[in-house]
Every structure is written in structure tokens, then in C-alpha cells.
């Protein structure tokens, strides 16, 4: 699986614009050039994790959102992830999982 830097850049741009921040403001906050932010947002430059973490902090967005398009701390992420995993199980595995869920519910109510 390869990293989609263009998608990461588009997500950064989307959140930045939603917050009415300019490229200049973002660049200044993380001590990079406006040109660099422009290149990241267009997917021309591969943003490293440290810089992505700084962008994430400035934009107050989960870094996972920029990478995957879904914030991992949201109910929809968990639901989608569970659905994907459940769908891939065979019938016997699904039965076992349902039994485990029943045990968990009974013991953690």
C-alpha cells in the first residue's frame, strides 16, 4: 500500500480553508515556507511525519485524518472498521465473534 500524498495535501488544504487560515499563516506557525505548504497541498512534495504532526497540531485535526481520510476517534471510523472486518469473516468466525460480543456485553454492563 502506497501513501497518497496528493490526498493528504488535499485534506490539509480542505481543513485549512474551513478554518479560514491562509497558507502563509500555516507556514509561519510551523516554520516552513509558503511554497512548501503549496507543494504539500498539491501533493508535489512528500510531507514527513514530523511536519504532518505539526500541521495536525496547528489545524487541531487528528493526524490519522490526513493520512486515511477518517479520524480514528470518531464513531463512524469504528463502525466502518468493524463492518469491514466482520464482512471478511467466514460464517463460523462470525458466530464466534457474536458469542464473544455477548460475553463482553454481559460482563461490562
N, C-alpha and C. Protein backbone atom coordinates (compact mmCIF):
# COMPACT_ATOMS: atom_id res chain seq x y z
N UNK A 1 0.84 -1.18 0.00
CA UNK A 1 0.00 0.00 0.00
C UNK A 1 0.89 1.24 0.00
N UNK A 2 0.66 2.10 -0.96
CA UNK A 2 1.48 3.30 -1.04
C UNK A 2 0.75 4.49 -0.40
N UNK A 3 1.51 5.47 0.00
CA UNK A 3 0.96 6.67 0.62
C UNK A 3 0.48 7.62 -0.47
N UNK A 4 -0.74 8.10 -0.35
CA UNK A 4 -1.32 9.02 -1.33
C UNK A 4 -1.07 10.45 -0.84
N UNK A 5 0.08 11.01 -1.23
CA UNK A 5 0.45 12.34 -0.77
C UNK A 5 -0.46 13.42 -1.34
N UNK A 6 -0.99 13.17 -2.51
CA UNK A 6 -1.92 14.15 -3.10
C UNK A 6 -3.19 14.24 -2.25
N UNK A 7 -3.71 13.11 -1.80
CA UNK A 7 -4.90 13.09 -0.95
C UNK A 7 -4.61 13.75 0.39
N UNK A 8 -3.43 13.49 0.94
CA UNK A 8 -3.04 14.12 2.21
C UNK A 8 -3.04 15.64 2.04
N UNK A 9 -2.44 16.10 0.97
CA UNK A 9 -2.38 17.54 0.69
C UNK A 9 -3.76 18.15 0.51
N UNK A 10 -4.63 17.44 -0.18
CA UNK A 10 -5.99 17.95 -0.38
C UNK A 10 -6.73 18.07 0.95
N UNK A 11 -6.52 17.09 1.83
CA UNK A 11 -7.18 17.13 3.15
C UNK A 11 -6.65 18.29 3.99
N UNK A 12 -5.34 18.52 3.92
CA UNK A 12 -4.75 19.65 4.64
C UNK A 12 -5.37 20.95 4.14
N UNK A 13 -5.41 21.09 2.83
CA UNK A 13 -5.97 22.30 2.24
C UNK A 13 -7.43 22.49 2.63
N UNK A 14 -8.20 21.42 2.60
CA UNK A 14 -9.62 21.47 2.95
C UNK A 14 -9.82 21.97 4.38
N UNK A 15 -9.09 21.38 5.33
CA UNK A 15 -9.22 21.77 6.73
C UNK A 15 -8.72 23.20 6.94
N UNK A 16 -7.60 23.53 6.31
CA UNK A 16 -7.05 24.89 6.43
C UNK A 16 -8.06 25.93 5.95
N UNK A 17 -8.68 25.65 4.81
CA UNK A 17 -9.67 26.60 4.27
C UNK A 17 -10.93 26.66 5.13
N UNK A 18 -11.36 25.52 5.68
CA UNK A 18 -12.52 25.53 6.56
C UNK A 18 -12.28 26.43 7.77
N UNK A 19 -11.04 26.46 8.21
CA UNK A 19 -10.68 27.27 9.37
C UNK A 19 -10.30 28.71 8.98
N UNK A 20 -10.43 29.00 7.68
CA UNK A 20 -10.13 30.34 7.15
C UNK A 20 -8.70 30.77 7.47
N UNK A 21 -7.79 29.80 7.38
CA UNK A 21 -6.37 30.08 7.56
C UNK A 21 -5.72 30.13 6.18
N UNK A 22 -4.74 30.98 6.04
CA UNK A 22 -4.01 31.07 4.78
C UNK A 22 -2.81 30.14 4.81
N UNK A 23 -2.26 29.90 3.64
CA UNK A 23 -1.02 29.12 3.56
C UNK A 23 0.09 29.84 4.33
N UNK A 24 0.07 31.16 4.25
CA UNK A 24 1.08 31.95 4.94
C UNK A 24 1.00 31.74 6.46
N UNK A 25 -0.22 31.76 6.99
CA UNK A 25 -0.39 31.56 8.43
C UNK A 25 0.08 30.18 8.86
N UNK A 26 -0.30 29.16 8.09
CA UNK A 26 0.12 27.80 8.42
C UNK A 26 1.63 27.67 8.33
N UNK A 27 2.21 28.20 7.27
CA UNK A 27 3.67 28.13 7.09
C UNK A 27 4.40 28.79 8.25
N UNK A 28 3.91 29.95 8.65
CA UNK A 28 4.55 30.68 9.74
C UNK A 28 4.49 29.90 11.05
N UNK A 29 3.36 29.27 11.31
CA UNK A 29 3.18 28.53 12.57
C UNK A 29 4.10 27.31 12.67
N UNK A 30 4.45 26.70 11.52
CA UNK A 30 5.31 25.51 11.58
C UNK A 30 6.72 25.78 11.04
N UNK A 31 7.01 27.05 10.80
CA UNK A 31 8.36 27.49 10.39
C UNK A 31 8.83 26.86 9.09
N UNK A 32 7.96 26.91 8.08
CA UNK A 32 8.34 26.48 6.73
C UNK A 32 7.93 27.59 5.77
N UNK A 33 8.27 27.43 4.51
CA UNK A 33 7.91 28.46 3.53
C UNK A 33 6.49 28.23 3.00
N UNK A 34 5.93 29.29 2.46
CA UNK A 34 4.61 29.20 1.83
C UNK A 34 4.69 28.26 0.63
N UNK A 35 5.79 28.31 -0.08
CA UNK A 35 5.98 27.42 -1.22
C UNK A 35 5.93 25.96 -0.82
N UNK A 36 6.50 25.66 0.32
CA UNK A 36 6.47 24.28 0.81
C UNK A 36 5.04 23.84 1.09
N UNK A 37 4.27 24.70 1.77
CA UNK A 37 2.87 24.37 2.07
C UNK A 37 2.11 24.17 0.76
N UNK A 38 2.35 25.02 -0.20
CA UNK A 38 1.69 24.89 -1.51
C UNK A 38 2.02 23.55 -2.16
N UNK A 39 3.29 23.17 -2.11
CA UNK A 39 3.71 21.90 -2.70
C UNK A 39 3.11 20.71 -1.97
N UNK A 40 3.02 20.79 -0.65
CA UNK A 40 2.41 19.71 0.14
C UNK A 40 0.94 19.58 -0.23
N UNK A 41 0.24 20.71 -0.28
CA UNK A 41 -1.19 20.68 -0.58
C UNK A 41 -1.49 20.16 -1.99
N UNK A 42 -0.56 20.35 -2.90
CA UNK A 42 -0.75 19.84 -4.27
C UNK A 42 -0.21 18.42 -4.44
N UNK A 43 0.42 17.89 -3.40
CA UNK A 43 0.97 16.54 -3.48
C UNK A 43 2.26 16.45 -4.24
N UNK A 44 2.89 17.59 -4.47
CA UNK A 44 4.16 17.62 -5.21
C UNK A 44 5.31 17.19 -4.30
N UNK A 45 5.22 17.58 -3.04
CA UNK A 45 6.25 17.26 -2.05
C UNK A 45 5.70 16.25 -1.06
N UNK A 46 6.52 15.28 -0.71
CA UNK A 46 6.13 14.28 0.29
C UNK A 46 6.37 14.86 1.67
N UNK A 47 5.29 15.06 2.40
CA UNK A 47 5.40 15.61 3.75
C UNK A 47 5.85 14.51 4.71
N UNK A 48 6.83 14.83 5.58
CA UNK A 48 7.28 13.82 6.54
C UNK A 48 6.36 13.82 7.76
N UNK A 49 6.45 12.78 8.57
CA UNK A 49 5.55 12.63 9.71
C UNK A 49 5.70 13.73 10.75
N UNK A 50 6.91 14.19 10.97
CA UNK A 50 7.10 15.28 11.94
C UNK A 50 6.37 16.55 11.50
N UNK A 51 6.52 16.89 10.23
CA UNK A 51 5.85 18.08 9.70
C UNK A 51 4.34 17.88 9.68
N UNK A 52 3.90 16.70 9.30
CA UNK A 52 2.47 16.41 9.28
C UNK A 52 1.90 16.50 10.70
N UNK A 53 2.67 16.08 11.67
CA UNK A 53 2.25 16.19 13.07
C UNK A 53 2.11 17.65 13.48
N UNK A 54 3.03 18.49 13.05
CA UNK A 54 2.96 19.92 13.35
C UNK A 54 1.73 20.55 12.69
N UNK A 55 1.49 20.19 11.43
CA UNK A 55 0.32 20.70 10.71
C UNK A 55 -0.94 20.26 11.43
N UNK A 56 -0.96 19.00 11.84
CA UNK A 56 -2.09 18.45 12.56
C UNK A 56 -2.37 19.24 13.84
N UNK A 57 -1.32 19.58 14.57
CA UNK A 57 -1.47 20.34 15.81
C UNK A 57 -2.00 21.75 15.54
N UNK A 58 -1.45 22.41 14.54
CA UNK A 58 -1.88 23.77 14.21
C UNK A 58 -3.34 23.78 13.75
N UNK A 59 -3.73 22.79 12.96
CA UNK A 59 -5.10 22.74 12.45
C UNK A 59 -6.04 22.00 13.42
N UNK A 60 -5.51 21.53 14.53
CA UNK A 60 -6.28 20.82 15.55
C UNK A 60 -7.11 19.69 14.93
N UNK A 61 -6.42 18.87 14.16
CA UNK A 61 -7.06 17.73 13.49
C UNK A 61 -6.21 16.50 13.75
N UNK A 62 -6.85 15.37 13.90
CA UNK A 62 -6.17 14.11 14.12
C UNK A 62 -5.28 13.80 12.91
N UNK A 63 -4.03 13.49 13.16
CA UNK A 63 -3.10 13.19 12.07
C UNK A 63 -3.61 12.03 11.21
N UNK A 64 -4.32 11.11 11.82
CA UNK A 64 -4.86 9.98 11.07
C UNK A 64 -5.83 10.43 10.00
N UNK A 65 -6.54 11.54 10.24
CA UNK A 65 -7.47 12.04 9.23
C UNK A 65 -6.71 12.40 7.95
N UNK A 66 -5.58 13.07 8.10
CA UNK A 66 -4.82 13.48 6.92
C UNK A 66 -4.31 12.27 6.14
N UNK A 67 -3.96 11.22 6.85
CA UNK A 67 -3.41 10.03 6.19
C UNK A 67 -4.51 9.15 5.60
N UNK A 68 -5.58 8.94 6.35
CA UNK A 68 -6.61 7.98 5.93
C UNK A 68 -7.90 8.59 5.41
N UNK A 69 -8.13 9.85 5.75
CA UNK A 69 -9.39 10.48 5.37
C UNK A 69 -10.48 10.28 6.40
N UNK A 70 -10.17 9.57 7.48
CA UNK A 70 -11.12 9.33 8.56
C UNK A 70 -10.41 9.50 9.89
N UNK A 71 -11.02 10.26 10.77
CA UNK A 71 -10.44 10.41 12.11
C UNK A 71 -10.74 9.16 12.91
N UNK A 72 -9.72 8.55 13.47
CA UNK A 72 -9.90 7.26 14.14
C UNK A 72 -10.67 7.36 15.44
N UNK A 73 -10.83 8.55 15.98
CA UNK A 73 -11.56 8.68 17.25
C UNK A 73 -13.04 8.98 17.05
N UNK A 74 -13.55 8.76 15.86
CA UNK A 74 -14.97 9.00 15.60
C UNK A 74 -15.74 7.69 15.57
N UNK A 75 -17.00 7.73 15.95
CA UNK A 75 -17.82 6.51 15.90
C UNK A 75 -17.91 5.91 14.49
N UNK A 76 -17.95 6.76 13.48
CA UNK A 76 -18.07 6.22 12.11
C UNK A 76 -16.84 5.42 11.71
N UNK A 77 -15.66 5.83 12.20
CA UNK A 77 -14.45 5.06 11.89
C UNK A 77 -14.56 3.67 12.49
N UNK A 78 -14.95 3.61 13.76
CA UNK A 78 -15.05 2.30 14.41
C UNK A 78 -16.11 1.44 13.74
N UNK A 79 -17.24 2.04 13.40
CA UNK A 79 -18.31 1.30 12.75
C UNK A 79 -17.86 0.77 11.40
N UNK A 80 -17.22 1.63 10.61
CA UNK A 80 -16.73 1.21 9.29
C UNK A 80 -15.68 0.12 9.41
N UNK A 81 -14.79 0.28 10.37
CA UNK A 81 -13.74 -0.71 10.56
C UNK A 81 -14.33 -2.06 10.98
N UNK A 82 -15.28 -2.03 11.92
CA UNK A 82 -15.94 -3.26 12.34
C UNK A 82 -16.68 -3.92 11.18
N UNK A 83 -17.40 -3.13 10.42
CA UNK A 83 -18.13 -3.67 9.26
C UNK A 83 -17.19 -4.34 8.27
N UNK A 84 -16.07 -3.67 7.98
CA UNK A 84 -15.10 -4.24 7.03
C UNK A 84 -14.55 -5.57 7.53
N UNK A 85 -14.17 -5.59 8.79
CA UNK A 85 -13.61 -6.81 9.35
C UNK A 85 -14.66 -7.92 9.43
N UNK A 86 -15.87 -7.58 9.87
CA UNK A 86 -16.94 -8.56 10.01
C UNK A 86 -17.28 -9.18 8.65
N UNK A 87 -17.33 -8.36 7.63
CA UNK A 87 -17.66 -8.83 6.28
C UNK A 87 -16.65 -9.85 5.77
N UNK A 88 -15.41 -9.68 6.17
CA UNK A 88 -14.36 -10.57 5.67
C UNK A 88 -14.31 -11.93 6.40
N UNK A 89 -15.06 -12.06 7.48
CA UNK A 89 -15.05 -13.32 8.24
C UNK A 89 -15.94 -14.37 7.58
N UNK A 90 -15.59 -15.64 7.81
CA UNK A 90 -16.48 -16.71 7.34
C UNK A 90 -17.59 -16.90 8.38
N UNK A 91 -18.53 -17.77 8.07
CA UNK A 91 -19.71 -17.96 8.93
C UNK A 91 -19.33 -18.38 10.35
N UNK A 92 -18.44 -19.32 10.48
CA UNK A 92 -18.02 -19.81 11.80
C UNK A 92 -17.36 -18.70 12.61
N UNK A 93 -16.50 -17.93 11.96
CA UNK A 93 -15.83 -16.82 12.64
C UNK A 93 -16.84 -15.77 13.11
N UNK A 94 -17.84 -15.53 12.29
CA UNK A 94 -18.89 -14.56 12.67
C UNK A 94 -19.65 -15.05 13.90
N UNK A 95 -19.94 -16.35 13.94
CA UNK A 95 -20.63 -16.91 15.11
C UNK A 95 -19.80 -16.73 16.38
N UNK A 96 -18.51 -17.02 16.28
CA UNK A 96 -17.61 -16.90 17.42
C UNK A 96 -17.56 -15.44 17.88
N UNK A 97 -17.44 -14.54 16.94
CA UNK A 97 -17.37 -13.12 17.28
C UNK A 97 -18.64 -12.66 17.98
N UNK A 98 -19.78 -13.08 17.49
CA UNK A 98 -21.05 -12.70 18.12
C UNK A 98 -21.14 -13.24 19.55
N UNK A 99 -20.66 -14.46 19.75
CA UNK A 99 -20.65 -15.03 21.09
C UNK A 99 -19.73 -14.23 22.01
N UNK A 100 -18.58 -13.84 21.50
CA UNK A 100 -17.65 -13.02 22.29
C UNK A 100 -18.27 -11.67 22.65
N UNK A 101 -18.95 -11.07 21.70
CA UNK A 101 -19.61 -9.80 21.96
C UNK A 101 -20.68 -9.93 23.05
N UNK A 102 -21.41 -11.03 23.02
CA UNK A 102 -22.40 -11.28 24.07
C UNK A 102 -21.73 -11.36 25.44
N UNK A 103 -20.62 -12.07 25.52
CA UNK A 103 -19.87 -12.19 26.79
C UNK A 103 -19.40 -10.81 27.26
N UNK A 104 -18.87 -10.04 26.35
CA UNK A 104 -18.37 -8.70 26.70
C UNK A 104 -19.52 -7.83 27.21
N UNK A 105 -20.64 -7.87 26.52
CA UNK A 105 -21.79 -7.06 26.95
C UNK A 105 -22.29 -7.47 28.34
N UNK A 106 -22.36 -8.74 28.57
CA UNK A 106 -22.85 -9.22 29.87
C UNK A 106 -21.90 -8.83 31.01
N UNK A 107 -20.63 -8.87 30.75
CA UNK A 107 -19.65 -8.62 31.82
C UNK A 107 -19.28 -7.14 32.00
N UNK A 108 -19.66 -6.30 31.09
CA UNK A 108 -19.28 -4.88 31.18
C UNK A 108 -20.47 -3.94 31.15
N UNK A 109 -21.60 -4.41 31.63
CA UNK A 109 -22.81 -3.55 31.68
C UNK A 109 -22.82 -2.76 32.94
